[in-house]
Amino acid sequence: SALSVTCGGTADVSGTIVALGKGLHKAVFVPTKSGPYVLKAVIGGTEVIGSSIEYRVDANTTNVGKSVVSKVATQSVAGQEVMFTIRSRDVFGNDRLSGGDVVKIEFDGPGSSG
């Protein structure tokens, strides 16, 4: 019977199945989108009882090339607050949902030292 593993949820994920012998198989897949997924094993078109497993994929470490700065004011008034946002994302474009990254802001302008 044909054995297949499906992984659906935030994004469809494909993978490979390796026969290990003695009725054992190993499924390997690499999700790149963070979010909730459901894993199911199917043999001969019928889902294996108890194979429906819910799990969550979290974003990878922050990647500066995928992170974005937005809401930047191009002009302000002295003495008033200026704000902008940084959206931290991983290499796959997933939003980082937890903190812990060290963020350094550098200012350059009148009276600054660099």
PDB file of N, CA and C in Angstrom:
ATOM      1  N   SER A   1       0.836  -1.192   0.000  1.00  0.00           N
ATOM      2  CA  SER A   1       0.000   0.000   0.000  1.00  0.00           C
ATOM      3  C   SER A   1       0.870   1.241   0.000  1.00  0.00           C
ATOM      4  N   ALA A   2       0.391   2.270  -0.660  1.00  0.00           N
ATOM      5  CA  ALA A   2       1.129   3.521  -0.715  1.00  0.00           C
ATOM      6  C   ALA A   2       1.018   4.252   0.608  1.00  0.00           C
ATOM      7  N   LEU A   3       2.141   4.741   1.102  1.00  0.00           N
ATOM      8  CA  LEU A   3       2.185   5.510   2.332  1.00  0.00           C
ATOM      9  C   LEU A   3       2.449   6.955   1.982  1.00  0.00           C
ATOM     10  N   SER A   4       1.657   7.847   2.547  1.00  0.00           N
ATOM     11  CA  SER A   4       1.897   9.269   2.329  1.00  0.00           C
ATOM     12  C   SER A   4       1.713  10.010   3.645  1.00  0.00           C
ATOM     13  N   VAL A   5       2.371  11.131   3.748  1.00  0.00           N
ATOM     14  CA  VAL A   5       2.235  11.989   4.916  1.00  0.00           C
ATOM     15  C   VAL A   5       1.840  13.358   4.405  1.00  0.00           C
ATOM     16  N   THR A   6       0.769  13.907   4.952  1.00  0.00           N
ATOM     17  CA  THR A   6       0.358  15.248   4.565  1.00  0.00           C
ATOM     18  C   THR A   6       0.566  16.186   5.741  1.00  0.00           C
ATOM     19  N   CYS A   7       0.894  17.397   5.409  1.00  0.00           N
ATOM     20  CA  CYS A   7       1.104  18.415   6.429  1.00  0.00           C
ATOM     21  C   CYS A   7       0.420  19.671   5.933  1.00  0.00           C
ATOM     22  N   GLY A   8      -0.708  19.998   6.509  1.00  0.00           N
ATOM     23  CA  GLY A   8      -1.465  21.154   6.067  1.00  0.00           C
ATOM     24  C   GLY A   8      -1.656  22.134   7.197  1.00  0.00           C
ATOM     25  N   GLY A   9      -1.945  23.347   6.840  1.00  0.00           N
ATOM     26  CA  GLY A   9      -2.163  24.379   7.848  1.00  0.00           C
ATOM     27  C   GLY A   9      -1.795  25.723   7.274  1.00  0.00           C
ATOM     28  N   THR A  10      -0.847  26.393   7.896  1.00  0.00           N
ATOM     29  CA  THR A  10      -0.416  27.714   7.458  1.00  0.00           C
ATOM     30  C   THR A  10       0.039  27.690   6.007  1.00  0.00           C
ATOM     31  N   ALA A  11       0.713  26.626   5.612  1.00  0.00           N
ATOM     32  CA  ALA A  11       1.157  26.442   4.227  1.00  0.00           C
ATOM     33  C   ALA A  11       1.278  24.948   3.984  1.00  0.00           C
ATOM     34  N   ASP A  12       1.109  24.521   2.741  1.00  0.00           N
ATOM     35  CA  ASP A  12       1.324  23.115   2.423  1.00  0.00           C
ATOM     36  C   ASP A  12       2.810  22.815   2.471  1.00  0.00           C
ATOM     37  N   VAL A  13       3.160  21.677   3.044  1.00  0.00           N
ATOM     38  CA  VAL A  13       4.551  21.273   3.176  1.00  0.00           C
ATOM     39  C   VAL A  13       4.700  19.900   2.541  1.00  0.00           C
ATOM     40  N   SER A  14       5.693  19.753   1.698  1.00  0.00           N
ATOM     41  CA  SER A  14       5.961  18.440   1.128  1.00  0.00           C
ATOM     42  C   SER A  14       7.243  17.903   1.746  1.00  0.00           C
ATOM     43  N   GLY A  15       7.378  16.609   1.691  1.00  0.00           N
ATOM     44  CA  GLY A  15       8.556  15.994   2.271  1.00  0.00           C
ATOM     45  C   GLY A  15       8.844  14.666   1.624  1.00  0.00           C
ATOM     46  N   THR A  16       9.693  13.898   2.260  1.00  0.00           N
ATOM     47  CA  THR A  16      10.049  12.581   1.744  1.00  0.00           C
ATOM     48  C   THR A  16       9.772  11.524   2.808  1.00  0.00           C
ATOM     49  N   ILE A  17       9.503  10.317   2.324  1.00  0.00           N
ATOM     50  CA  ILE A  17       9.276   9.179   3.215  1.00  0.00           C
ATOM     51  C   ILE A  17      10.357   8.152   2.928  1.00  0.00           C
ATOM     52  N   VAL A  18      10.994   7.680   3.991  1.00  0.00           N
ATOM     53  CA  VAL A  18      12.067   6.698   3.857  1.00  0.00           C
ATOM     54  C   VAL A  18      11.651   5.436   4.597  1.00  0.00           C
ATOM     55  N   ALA A  19      11.715   4.295   3.900  1.00  0.00           N
ATOM     56  CA  ALA A  19      11.416   3.008   4.534  1.00  0.00           C
ATOM     57  C   ALA A  19      12.642   2.578   5.343  1.00  0.00           C
ATOM     58  N   LEU A  20      12.427   2.309   6.640  1.00  0.00           N
ATOM     59  CA  LEU A  20      13.520   1.902   7.519  1.00  0.00           C
ATOM     60  C   LEU A  20      13.590   0.389   7.685  1.00  0.00           C
ATOM     61  N   GLY A  21      12.562  -0.324   7.191  1.00  0.00           N
ATOM     62  CA  GLY A  21      12.507  -1.779   7.331  1.00  0.00           C
ATOM     63  C   GLY A  21      11.656  -2.176   8.523  1.00  0.00           C
ATOM     64  N   LYS A  22      11.222  -3.439   8.529  1.00  0.00           N
ATOM     65  CA  LYS A  22      10.396  -3.987   9.603  1.00  0.00           C
ATOM     66  C   LYS A  22       9.130  -3.165   9.852  1.00  0.00           C
ATOM     67  N   GLY A  23       8.581  -2.591   8.774  1.00  0.00           N
ATOM     68  CA  GLY A  23       7.328  -1.839   8.880  1.00  0.00           C
ATOM     69  C   GLY A  23       7.491  -0.411   9.377  1.00  0.00           C
ATOM     70  N   LEU A  24       8.708   0.034   9.589  1.00  0.00           N
ATOM     71  CA  LEU A  24       8.951   1.402  10.065  1.00  0.00           C
ATOM     72  C   LEU A  24       9.271   2.331   8.898  1.00  0.00           C
ATOM     73  N   HIS A  25       8.776   3.550   9.001  1.00  0.00           N
ATOM     74  CA  HIS A  25       9.030   4.575   7.987  1.00  0.00           C
ATOM     75  C   HIS A  25       9.385   5.876   8.696  1.00  0.00           C
ATOM     76  N   LYS A  26      10.163   6.692   8.015  1.00  0.00           N
ATOM     77  CA  LYS A  26      10.524   8.009   8.546  1.00  0.00           C
ATOM     78  C   LYS A  26      10.072   9.057   7.540  1.00  0.00           C
ATOM     79  N   ALA A  27       9.345  10.066   8.024  1.00  0.00           N
ATOM     80  CA  ALA A  27       8.922  11.177   7.174  1.00  0.00           C
ATOM     81  C   ALA A  27       9.740  12.401   7.556  1.00  0.00           C
ATOM     82  N   VAL A  28      10.275  13.077   6.550  1.00  0.00           N
ATOM     83  CA  VAL A  28      11.097  14.260   6.783  1.00  0.00           C
ATOM     84  C   VAL A  28      10.533  15.405   5.947  1.00  0.00           C
ATOM     85  N   PHE A  29      10.313  16.542   6.572  1.00  0.00           N
ATOM     86  CA  PHE A  29       9.836  17.718   5.858  1.00  0.00           C
ATOM     87  C   PHE A  29      10.365  18.956   6.553  1.00  0.00           C
ATOM     88  N   VAL A  30      10.427  20.059   5.811  1.00  0.00           N
ATOM     89  CA  VAL A  30      10.981  21.304   6.333  1.00  0.00           C
ATOM     90  C   VAL A  30       9.975  22.431   6.093  1.00  0.00           C
ATOM     91  N   PRO A  31       9.184  22.799   7.103  1.00  0.00           N
ATOM     92  CA  PRO A  31       8.262  23.923   6.944  1.00  0.00           C
ATOM     93  C   PRO A  31       9.033  25.246   6.973  1.00  0.00           C
ATOM     94  N   THR A  32       8.607  26.200   6.152  1.00  0.00           N
ATOM     95  CA  THR A  32       9.262  27.504   6.127  1.00  0.00           C
ATOM     96  C   THR A  32       8.340  28.639   6.570  1.00  0.00           C
ATOM     97  N   LYS A  33       7.075  28.353   6.762  1.00  0.00           N
ATOM     98  CA  LYS A  33       6.111  29.357   7.232  1.00  0.00           C
ATOM     99  C   LYS A  33       5.725  29.042   8.668  1.00  0.00           C
ATOM    100  N   SER A  34       5.780  30.047   9.519  1.00  0.00           N
ATOM    101  CA  SER A  34       5.397  29.827  10.912  1.00  0.00           C
ATOM    102  C   SER A  34       3.879  29.778  11.037  1.00  0.00           C
ATOM    103  N   GLY A  35       3.411  29.071  12.059  1.00  0.00           N
ATOM    104  CA  GLY A  35       1.976  28.962  12.301  1.00  0.00           C
ATOM    105  C   GLY A  35       1.583  27.545  12.663  1.00  0.00           C
ATOM    106  N   PRO A  36       0.273  27.302  12.800  1.00  0.00           N
ATOM    107  CA  PRO A  36      -0.213  25.967  13.177  1.00  0.00           C
ATOM    108  C   PRO A  36      -0.296  25.021  11.983  1.00  0.00           C
ATOM    109  N   TYR A  37      -0.005  23.754  12.232  1.00  0.00           N
ATOM    110  CA  TYR A  37      -0.057  22.709  11.206  1.00  0.00           C
ATOM    111  C   TYR A  37      -0.741  21.476  11.774  1.00  0.00           C
ATOM    112  N   VAL A  38      -1.181  20.598  10.876  1.00  0.00           N
ATOM    113  CA  VAL A  38      -1.715  19.280  11.244  1.00  0.00           C
ATOM    114  C   VAL A  38      -1.004  18.260  10.369  1.00  0.00           C
ATOM    115  N   LEU A  39      -0.418  17.264  11.000  1.00  0.00           N
ATOM    116  CA  LEU A  39       0.299  16.203  10.312  1.00  0.00           C
ATOM    117  C   LEU A  39      -0.583  14.961  10.292  1.00  0.00           C
ATOM    118  N   LYS A  40      -0.682  14.299   9.131  1.00  0.00           N
ATOM    119  CA  LYS A  40      -1.492  13.083   9.011  1.00  0.00           C
ATOM    120  C   LYS A  40      -0.728  12.050   8.197  1.00  0.00           C
ATOM    121  N   ALA A  41      -0.754  10.800   8.640  1.00  0.00           N
ATOM    122  CA  ALA A  41      -0.180   9.686   7.878  1.00  0.00           C
ATOM    123  C   ALA A  41      -1.329   8.934   7.221  1.00  0.00           C
ATOM    124  N   VAL A  42      -1.141   8.594   5.951  1.00  0.00           N
ATOM    125  CA  VAL A  42      -2.184   7.922   5.172  1.00  0.00           C
ATOM    126  C   VAL A  42      -1.577   6.697   4.491  1.00  0.00           C
ATOM    127  N   ILE A  43      -2.254   5.553   4.628  1.00  0.00           N
ATOM    128  CA  ILE A  43      -1.826   4.335   3.944  1.00  0.00           C
ATOM    129  C   ILE A  43      -2.973   3.862   3.073  1.00  0.00           C
ATOM    130  N   GLY A  44      -2.695   3.693   1.785  1.00  0.00           N
ATOM    131  CA  GLY A  44      -3.713   3.225   0.855  1.00  0.00           C
ATOM    132  C   GLY A  44      -4.951   4.089   0.824  1.00  0.00           C
ATOM    133  N   GLY A  45      -4.788   5.402   1.018  1.00  0.00           N
ATOM    134  CA  GLY A  45      -5.912   6.324   0.970  1.00  0.00           C
ATOM    135  C   GLY A  45      -6.666   6.470   2.276  1.00  0.00           C
ATOM    136  N   THR A  46      -6.285   5.718   3.325  1.00  0.00           N
ATOM    137  CA  THR A  46      -6.964   5.795   4.619  1.00  0.00           C
ATOM    138  C   THR A  46      -6.017   6.353   5.676  1.00  0.00           C
ATOM    139  N   GLU A  47      -6.517   7.333   6.427  1.00  0.00           N
ATOM    140  CA  GLU A  47      -5.697   7.940   7.470  1.00  0.00           C
ATOM    141  C   GLU A  47      -5.422   6.939   8.588  1.00  0.00           C
ATOM    142  N   VAL A  48      -4.173   6.883   9.026  1.00  0.00           N
ATOM    143  CA  VAL A  48      -3.795   6.017  10.135  1.00  0.00           C
ATOM    144  C   VAL A  48      -4.401   6.593  11.415  1.00  0.00           C
ATOM    145  N   ILE A  49      -5.099   5.747  12.174  1.00  0.00           N
ATOM    146  CA  ILE A  49      -5.749   6.195  13.409  1.00  0.00           C
ATOM    147  C   ILE A  49      -4.706   6.778  14.362  1.00  0.00           C
ATOM    148  N   GLY A  50      -5.007   7.947  14.868  1.00  0.00           N
ATOM    149  CA  GLY A  50      -4.106   8.600  15.819  1.00  0.00           C
ATOM    150  C   GLY A  50      -2.964   9.363  15.178  1.00  0.00           C
ATOM    151  N   SER A  51      -2.948   9.419  13.848  1.00  0.00           N
ATOM    152  CA  SER A  51      -1.823  10.099  13.192  1.00  0.00           C
ATOM    153  C   SER A  51      -2.035  11.597  13.032  1.00  0.00           C
ATOM    154  N   SER A  52      -3.226  12.081  13.302  1.00  0.00           N
ATOM    155  CA  SER A  52      -3.498  13.506  13.166  1.00  0.00           C
ATOM    156  C   SER A  52      -2.868  14.231  14.354  1.00  0.00           C
ATOM    157  N   ILE A  53      -1.774  14.923  14.085  1.00  0.00           N
ATOM    158  CA  ILE A  53      -1.012  15.584  15.148  1.00  0.00           C
ATOM    159  C   ILE A  53      -0.975  17.083  14.871  1.00  0.00           C
ATOM    160  N   GLU A  54      -1.390  17.866  15.853  1.00  0.00           N
ATOM    161  CA  GLU A  54      -1.318  19.319  15.729  1.00  0.00           C
ATOM    162  C   GLU A  54       0.007  19.796  16.306  1.00  0.00           C
ATOM    163  N   TYR A  55       0.662  20.683  15.590  1.00  0.00           N
ATOM    164  CA  TYR A  55       1.884  21.273  16.118  1.00  0.00           C
ATOM    165  C   TYR A  55       2.055  22.665  15.540  1.00  0.00           C
ATOM    166  N   ARG A  56       2.976  23.402  16.135  1.00  0.00           N
ATOM    167  CA  ARG A  56       3.195  24.796  15.755  1.00  0.00           C
ATOM    168  C   ARG A  56       4.642  24.992  15.316  1.00  0.00           C
ATOM    169  N   VAL A  57       4.823  25.751  14.248  1.00  0.00           N
ATOM    170  CA  VAL A  57       6.149  26.131  13.781  1.00  0.00           C
ATOM    171  C   VAL A  57       6.362  27.600  14.133  1.00  0.00           C
ATOM    172  N   ASP A  58       7.431  27.875  14.865  1.00  0.00           N
ATOM    173  CA  ASP A  58       7.765  29.249  15.233  1.00  0.00           C
ATOM    174  C   ASP A  58       8.740  29.842  14.222  1.00  0.00           C
ATOM    175  N   ALA A  59       8.791  31.166  14.170  1.00  0.00           N
ATOM    176  CA  ALA A  59       9.731  31.849  13.278  1.00  0.00           C
ATOM    177  C   ALA A  59      11.164  31.525  13.686  1.00  0.00           C
ATOM    178  N   ASN A  60      12.049  31.551  12.721  1.00  0.00           N
ATOM    179  CA  ASN A  60      13.467  31.330  12.958  1.00  0.00           C
ATOM    180  C   ASN A  60      14.075  32.612  13.537  1.00  0.00           C
ATOM    181  N   THR A  61      15.382  32.684  13.668  1.00  0.00           N
ATOM    182  CA  THR A  61      16.037  33.878  14.215  1.00  0.00           C
ATOM    183  C   THR A  61      15.862  35.061  13.269  1.00  0.00           C
ATOM    184  N   THR A  62      15.968  36.248  13.811  1.00  0.00           N
ATOM    185  CA  THR A  62      15.769  37.463  13.030  1.00  0.00           C
ATOM    186  C   THR A  62      16.816  37.603  11.933  1.00  0.00           C
ATOM    187  N   ASN A  63      16.357  38.009  10.757  1.00  0.00           N
ATOM    188  CA  ASN A  63      17.227  38.244   9.609  1.00  0.00           C
ATOM    189  C   ASN A  63      17.063  39.707   9.212  1.00  0.00           C
ATOM    190  N   VAL A  64      18.143  40.493   9.294  1.00  0.00           N
ATOM    191  CA  VAL A  64      18.030  41.927   8.994  1.00  0.00           C
ATOM    192  C   VAL A  64      17.646  42.194   7.543  1.00  0.00           C
ATOM    193  N   GLY A  65      18.007  41.309   6.635  1.00  0.00           N
ATOM    194  CA  GLY A  65      17.654  41.494   5.235  1.00  0.00           C
ATOM    195  C   GLY A  65      16.165  41.365   4.968  1.00  0.00           C
ATOM    196  N   LYS A  66      15.437  40.689   5.845  1.00  0.00           N
ATOM    197  CA  LYS A  66      13.991  40.517   5.691  1.00  0.00           C
ATOM    198  C   LYS A  66      13.200  41.435   6.626  1.00  0.00           C
ATOM    199  N   SER A  67      13.872  42.052   7.607  1.00  0.00           N
ATOM    200  CA  SER A  67      13.200  42.948   8.549  1.00  0.00           C
ATOM    201  C   SER A  67      12.944  44.297   7.878  1.00  0.00           C
ATOM    202  N   VAL A  68      11.933  45.022   8.376  1.00  0.00           N
ATOM    203  CA  VAL A  68      11.492  46.245   7.713  1.00  0.00           C
ATOM    204  C   VAL A  68      11.313  47.374   8.729  1.00  0.00           C
ATOM    205  N   VAL A  69      11.748  48.570   8.357  1.00  0.00           N
ATOM    206  CA  VAL A  69      11.498  49.780   9.139  1.00  0.00           C
ATOM    207  C   VAL A  69      10.363  50.531   8.443  1.00  0.00           C
ATOM    208  N   SER A  70       9.380  50.984   9.235  1.00  0.00           N
ATOM    209  CA  SER A  70       8.259  51.704   8.633  1.00  0.00           C
ATOM    210  C   SER A  70       7.767  52.799   9.563  1.00  0.00           C
ATOM    211  N   LYS A  71       6.816  53.559   9.048  1.00  0.00           N
ATOM    212  CA  LYS A  71       6.214  54.684   9.769  1.00  0.00           C
ATOM    213  C   LYS A  71       7.281  55.693  10.208  1.00  0.00           C
ATOM    214  N   VAL A  72       8.201  55.973   9.293  1.00  0.00           N
ATOM    215  CA  VAL A  72       9.279  56.910   9.595  1.00  0.00           C
ATOM    216  C   VAL A  72       8.851  58.308   9.156  1.00  0.00           C
ATOM    217  N   ALA A  73       8.859  59.243  10.104  1.00  0.00           N
ATOM    218  CA  ALA A  73       8.549  60.632   9.778  1.00  0.00           C
ATOM    219  C   ALA A  73       9.756  61.246   9.086  1.00  0.00           C
ATOM    220  N   THR A  74       9.526  62.037   8.058  1.00  0.00           N
ATOM    221  CA  THR A  74      10.629  62.691   7.360  1.00  0.00           C
ATOM    222  C   THR A  74      10.850  64.108   7.863  1.00  0.00           C
ATOM    223  N   GLN A  75       9.968  64.539   8.765  1.00  0.00           N
ATOM    224  CA  GLN A  75      10.114  65.873   9.332  1.00  0.00           C
ATOM    225  C   GLN A  75       9.448  65.878  10.694  1.00  0.00           C
ATOM    226  N   SER A  76       9.997  66.670  11.631  1.00  0.00           N
ATOM    227  CA  SER A  76       9.384  66.796  12.946  1.00  0.00           C
ATOM    228  C   SER A  76       9.640  68.184  13.492  1.00  0.00           C
ATOM    229  N   VAL A  77       9.112  68.429  14.690  1.00  0.00           N
ATOM    230  CA  VAL A  77       9.276  69.714  15.364  1.00  0.00           C
ATOM    231  C   VAL A  77      10.133  69.477  16.597  1.00  0.00           C
ATOM    232  N   ALA A  78      11.105  70.371  16.841  1.00  0.00           N
ATOM    233  CA  ALA A  78      11.986  70.239  18.001  1.00  0.00           C
ATOM    234  C   ALA A  78      11.161  70.108  19.273  1.00  0.00           C
ATOM    235  N   GLY A  79      11.533  69.146  20.114  1.00  0.00           N
ATOM    236  CA  GLY A  79      10.840  68.940  21.382  1.00  0.00           C
ATOM    237  C   GLY A  79       9.671  67.981  21.302  1.00  0.00           C
ATOM    238  N   GLN A  80       9.320  67.508  20.102  1.00  0.00           N
ATOM    239  CA  GLN A  80       8.220  66.566  19.957  1.00  0.00           C
ATOM    240  C   GLN A  80       8.757  65.167  19.638  1.00  0.00           C
ATOM    241  N   GLU A  81       8.037  64.188  20.119  1.00  0.00           N
ATOM    242  CA  GLU A  81       8.428  62.787  19.938  1.00  0.00           C
ATOM    243  C   GLU A  81       8.386  62.370  18.471  1.00  0.00           C
ATOM    244  N   VAL A  82       9.385  61.613  18.064  1.00  0.00           N
ATOM    245  CA  VAL A  82       9.436  61.030  16.731  1.00  0.00           C
ATOM    246  C   VAL A  82       9.453  59.518  16.911  1.00  0.00           C
ATOM    247  N   MET A  83       8.654  58.789  16.124  1.00  0.00           N
ATOM    248  CA  MET A  83       8.542  57.352  16.303  1.00  0.00           C
ATOM    249  C   MET A  83       8.619  56.641  14.960  1.00  0.00           C
ATOM    250  N   PHE A  84       9.146  55.422  14.994  1.00  0.00           N
ATOM    251  CA  PHE A  84       9.097  54.544  13.833  1.00  0.00           C
ATOM    252  C   PHE A  84       9.021  53.117  14.353  1.00  0.00           C
ATOM    253  N   THR A  85       8.687  52.191  13.475  1.00  0.00           N
ATOM    254  CA  THR A  85       8.579  50.792  13.895  1.00  0.00           C
ATOM    255  C   THR A  85       9.566  49.931  13.113  1.00  0.00           C
ATOM    256  N   ILE A  86       9.984  48.861  13.773  1.00  0.00           N
ATOM    257  CA  ILE A  86      10.839  47.864  13.138  1.00  0.00           C
ATOM    258  C   ILE A  86      10.086  46.543  13.194  1.00  0.00           C
ATOM    259  N   ARG A  87       9.851  45.955  12.047  1.00  0.00           N
ATOM    260  CA  ARG A  87       9.195  44.646  11.988  1.00  0.00           C
ATOM    261  C   ARG A  87      10.285  43.600  11.774  1.00  0.00           C
ATOM    262  N   SER A  88      10.566  42.833  12.823  1.00  0.00           N
ATOM    263  CA  SER A  88      11.596  41.800  12.748  1.00  0.00           C
ATOM    264  C   SER A  88      11.022  40.559  12.086  1.00  0.00           C
ATOM    265  N   ARG A  89      11.757  40.042  11.086  1.00  0.00           N
ATOM    266  CA  ARG A  89      11.325  38.840  10.358  1.00  0.00           C
ATOM    267  C   ARG A  89      12.496  37.867  10.227  1.00  0.00           C
ATOM    268  N   ASP A  90      12.155  36.603  10.031  1.00  0.00           N
ATOM    269  CA  ASP A  90      13.201  35.605   9.810  1.00  0.00           C
ATOM    270  C   ASP A  90      13.540  35.517   8.319  1.00  0.00           C
ATOM    271  N   VAL A  91      14.443  34.646   7.961  1.00  0.00           N
ATOM    272  CA  VAL A  91      14.916  34.520   6.586  1.00  0.00           C
ATOM    273  C   VAL A  91      13.798  34.133   5.613  1.00  0.00           C
ATOM    274  N   PHE A  92      12.709  33.553   6.118  1.00  0.00           N
ATOM    275  CA  PHE A  92      11.587  33.156   5.272  1.00  0.00           C
ATOM    276  C   PHE A  92      10.485  34.211   5.230  1.00  0.00           C
ATOM    277  N   GLY A  93      10.687  35.354   5.918  1.00  0.00           N
ATOM    278  CA  GLY A  93       9.697  36.431   5.935  1.00  0.00           C
ATOM    279  C   GLY A  93       8.652  36.299   7.022  1.00  0.00           C
ATOM    280  N   ASN A  94       8.810  35.331   7.935  1.00  0.00           N
ATOM    281  CA  ASN A  94       7.869  35.173   9.047  1.00  0.00           C
ATOM    282  C   ASN A  94       8.122  36.247  10.096  1.00  0.00           C
ATOM    283  N   ASP A  95       7.044  36.837  10.612  1.00  0.00           N
ATOM    284  CA  ASP A  95       7.181  37.815  11.688  1.00  0.00           C
ATOM    285  C   ASP A  95       7.708  37.130  12.942  1.00  0.00           C
ATOM    286  N   ARG A  96       8.674  37.768  13.601  1.00  0.00           N
ATOM    287  CA  ARG A  96       9.168  37.266  14.882  1.00  0.00           C
ATOM    288  C   ARG A  96       8.154  37.682  15.940  1.00  0.00           C
ATOM    289  N   LEU A  97       7.621  36.728  16.676  1.00  0.00           N
ATOM    290  CA  LEU A  97       6.562  37.003  17.640  1.00  0.00           C
ATOM    291  C   LEU A  97       7.066  37.111  19.067  1.00  0.00           C
ATOM    292  N   SER A  98       8.360  36.870  19.274  1.00  0.00           N
ATOM    293  CA  SER A  98       8.923  36.997  20.616  1.00  0.00           C
ATOM    294  C   SER A  98      10.111  37.939  20.564  1.00  0.00           C
ATOM    295  N   GLY A  99      10.390  38.565  21.683  1.00  0.00           N
ATOM    296  CA  GLY A  99      11.492  39.529  21.751  1.00  0.00           C
ATOM    297  C   GLY A  99      12.817  38.860  22.036  1.00  0.00           C
ATOM    298  N   GLY A 100      13.755  39.663  22.485  1.00  0.00           N
ATOM    299  CA  GLY A 100      15.061  39.146  22.840  1.00  0.00           C
ATOM    300  C   GLY A 100      16.169  39.615  21.921  1.00  0.00           C
ATOM    301  N   ASP A 101      15.815  40.176  20.767  1.00  0.00           N
ATOM    302  CA  ASP A 101      16.847  40.692  19.869  1.00  0.00           C
ATOM    303  C   ASP A 101      17.399  42.007  20.418  1.00  0.00           C
ATOM    304  N   VAL A 102      18.683  42.217  20.251  1.00  0.00           N
ATOM    305  CA  VAL A 102      19.296  43.486  20.633  1.00  0.00           C
ATOM    306  C   VAL A 102      19.138  44.438  19.449  1.00  0.00           C
ATOM    307  N   VAL A 103      18.463  45.563  19.695  1.00  0.00           N
ATOM    308  CA  VAL A 103      18.233  46.551  18.641  1.00  0.00           C
ATOM    309  C   VAL A 103      18.993  47.816  19.018  1.00  0.00           C
ATOM    310  N   LYS A 104      19.819  48.290  18.112  1.00  0.00           N
ATOM    311  CA  LYS A 104      20.600  49.500  18.344  1.00  0.00           C
ATOM    312  C   LYS A 104      20.135  50.554  17.351  1.00  0.00           C
ATOM    313  N   ILE A 105      19.828  51.738  17.860  1.00  0.00           N
ATOM    314  CA  ILE A 105      19.413  52.858  17.003  1.00  0.00           C
ATOM    315  C   ILE A 105      20.530  53.875  17.002  1.00  0.00           C
ATOM    316  N   GLU A 106      20.978  54.263  15.834  1.00  0.00           N
ATOM    317  CA  GLU A 106      22.023  55.275  15.719  1.00  0.00           C
ATOM    318  C   GLU A 106      21.425  56.550  15.146  1.00  0.00           C
ATOM    319  N   PHE A 107      21.792  57.688  15.728  1.00  0.00           N
ATOM    320  CA  PHE A 107      21.310  58.984  15.284  1.00  0.00           C
ATOM    321  C   PHE A 107      22.474  59.784  14.702  1.00  0.00           C
ATOM    322  N   ASP A 108      22.243  60.491  13.633  1.00  0.00           N
ATOM    323  CA  ASP A 108      23.245  61.331  13.027  1.00  0.00           C
ATOM    324  C   ASP A 108      22.564  62.642  12.656  1.00  0.00           C
ATOM    325  N   GLY A 109      23.078  63.765  13.123  1.00  0.00           N
ATOM    326  CA  GLY A 109      22.472  65.052  12.848  1.00  0.00           C
ATOM    327  C   GLY A 109      23.168  66.131  13.655  1.00  0.00           C
ATOM    328  N   PRO A 110      22.585  67.324  13.715  1.00  0.00           N
ATOM    329  CA  PRO A 110      23.213  68.432  14.443  1.00  0.00           C
ATOM    330  C   PRO A 110      23.469  68.058  15.917  1.00  0.00           C
ATOM    331  N   GLY A 111      24.691  68.228  16.336  1.00  0.00           N
ATOM    332  CA  GLY A 111      25.033  67.972  17.741  1.00  0.00           C
ATOM    333  C   GLY A 111      25.250  66.522  18.083  1.00  0.00           C
ATOM    334  N   SER A 112      25.096  65.607  17.118  1.00  0.00           N
ATOM    335  CA  SER A 112      25.300  64.196  17.435  1.00  0.00           C
ATOM    336  C   SER A 112      26.770  63.847  17.277  1.00  0.00           C
ATOM    337  N   SER A 113      27.172  62.777  17.954  1.00  0.00           N
ATOM    338  CA  SER A 113      28.570  62.353  17.855  1.00  0.00           C
ATOM    339  C   SER A 113      28.713  61.165  16.921  1.00  0.00           C
ATOM    340  N   GLY A 114      27.674  60.874  16.154  1.00  0.00           N
ATOM    341  CA  GLY A 114      27.807  59.789  15.181  1.00  0.00           C
ATOM    342  C   GLY A 114      26.642  58.937  15.226  1.00  0.00           C
TER     343      GLY A 114
END
